[in-house]
Amino acid sequence: MEAVLWYVLTGTRGGPNRVRILTAIDDRPRNANQLAEHLGLDYTTVRHHLDVLREHDVVERTGDGYGTVYYPTEGTRRHWDLVEEIAEGLPL
C-alpha cells in the first residue's frame, strides 16, 4: 500500500488534487458532486481522480449512481501517516 500511495499521490500531476480529495473524504464521506463543490474542482476532474483512487484500492464507495459516497479504504487508513507526510511535501 505504501508504494501505491506514493505512486498515486506523487507520481502524476494529479497528486495534489488526490490528496485534497482523500483529506476531504477522511473528514466526511462525500459524493463526487459534494467533493467538486467543497474543493472548487470540476465534477469530471473529481470523477477521474476518484476512479484512479478506486482502481488502486485507495478509496471505496457505497451507494449507487449520483448518491455514491466515497471514503478511504482500511488499507489507506492504516497508512494515513504516510498520506499526511506526502501532503506536507505537495503544493496544495
Protein backbone atom coordinates (compact mmCIF):
# COMPACT_ATOMS: atom_id res chain seq x y z
CA MET A 1 0.00 0.00 0.00
CA GLU A 2 2.87 2.39 0.69
CA ALA A 3 4.15 2.11 -2.88
CA VAL A 4 0.63 2.62 -4.23
CA LEU A 5 0.15 5.76 -2.15
CA TRP A 6 3.48 7.20 -3.29
CA TYR A 7 2.56 6.47 -6.89
CA VAL A 8 -0.99 7.85 -6.99
CA LEU A 9 -0.24 10.85 -4.78
CA THR A 10 3.16 11.91 -6.13
CA GLY A 11 3.80 10.05 -9.37
CA THR A 12 1.46 12.12 -11.54
CA ARG A 13 0.29 15.70 -11.98
CA GLY A 14 -2.99 14.87 -10.25
CA GLY A 15 -1.35 14.01 -6.94
CA PRO A 16 -2.18 17.24 -5.11
CA ASN A 17 -5.86 17.01 -6.05
CA ARG A 18 -5.96 13.36 -5.00
CA VAL A 19 -4.53 14.31 -1.61
CA ARG A 20 -7.19 17.01 -1.29
CA ILE A 21 -9.91 14.50 -2.18
CA LEU A 22 -8.57 11.95 0.32
CA THR A 23 -8.39 14.54 3.07
CA ALA A 24 -11.94 15.71 2.36
CA ILE A 25 -13.44 12.22 2.43
CA ASP A 26 -11.47 11.30 5.52
CA ASP A 27 -13.08 14.28 7.23
CA ARG A 28 -16.51 13.23 5.99
CA PRO A 29 -17.54 10.72 3.31
CA ARG A 30 -18.94 12.60 0.30
CA ASN A 31 -20.22 12.04 -3.20
CA ALA A 32 -18.44 13.38 -6.29
CA ASN A 33 -20.65 16.46 -6.57
CA GLN A 34 -20.09 17.38 -2.92
CA LEU A 35 -16.34 16.95 -3.40
CA ALA A 36 -16.35 19.14 -6.51
CA GLU A 37 -18.20 21.90 -4.67
CA HIS A 38 -16.14 21.59 -1.48
CA LEU A 39 -12.79 21.60 -3.32
CA GLY A 40 -13.69 24.04 -6.10
CA LEU A 41 -12.87 21.46 -8.78
CA ASP A 42 -14.70 20.43 -11.94
CA TYR A 43 -17.02 17.46 -11.41
CA THR A 44 -15.40 15.43 -14.22
CA THR A 45 -11.97 16.07 -12.72
CA VAL A 46 -13.15 14.76 -9.36
CA ARG A 47 -14.70 11.69 -11.00
CA HIS A 48 -11.43 10.97 -12.82
CA HIS A 49 -9.41 11.16 -9.62
CA LEU A 50 -11.92 9.02 -7.72
CA ASP A 51 -11.69 6.40 -10.47
CA VAL A 52 -7.89 6.35 -10.21
CA LEU A 53 -8.04 6.12 -6.42
CA ARG A 54 -10.58 3.27 -6.65
CA GLU A 55 -8.51 1.38 -9.23
CA HIS A 56 -5.62 1.38 -6.75
CA ASP A 57 -7.80 0.47 -3.71
CA VAL A 58 -7.13 3.79 -2.00
CA VAL A 59 -10.82 4.68 -1.72
CA GLU A 60 -14.02 2.67 -1.80
CA ARG A 61 -17.64 3.59 -2.32
CA THR A 62 -21.10 2.80 -1.12
CA GLY A 63 -24.42 3.50 -2.77
CA ASP A 64 -25.42 3.82 -6.40
CA GLY A 65 -25.46 6.48 -9.08
CA TYR A 66 -25.48 10.11 -8.09
CA GLY A 67 -25.64 9.29 -4.38
CA THR A 68 -22.50 7.15 -4.38
CA VAL A 69 -20.39 8.13 -1.37
CA TYR A 70 -16.61 7.68 -1.21
CA TYR A 71 -14.33 7.07 1.76
CA PRO A 72 -10.75 5.82 2.36
CA THR A 73 -10.17 2.07 2.45
CA GLU A 74 -8.92 0.40 5.60
CA GLY A 75 -5.50 0.00 3.96
CA THR A 76 -5.34 3.74 3.35
CA ARG A 77 -6.40 4.47 6.91
CA ARG A 78 -3.67 2.17 8.24
CA HIS A 79 -1.14 4.25 6.30
CA TRP A 80 -2.69 7.64 7.00
CA ASP A 81 0.57 8.92 8.49
CA LEU A 82 2.14 8.41 5.06
CA VAL A 83 -0.72 10.30 3.38
CA GLU A 84 -0.06 13.20 5.77
CA GLU A 85 3.69 13.01 5.11
CA ILE A 86 3.09 13.14 1.35
CA ALA A 87 0.61 16.01 1.76
CA GLU A 88 3.18 18.09 3.62
CA GLY A 89 5.52 17.95 0.63
CA LEU A 90 2.93 18.84 -2.02
CA PRO A 91 1.69 22.25 -3.14
CA LEU A 92 -1.96 22.07 -2.12
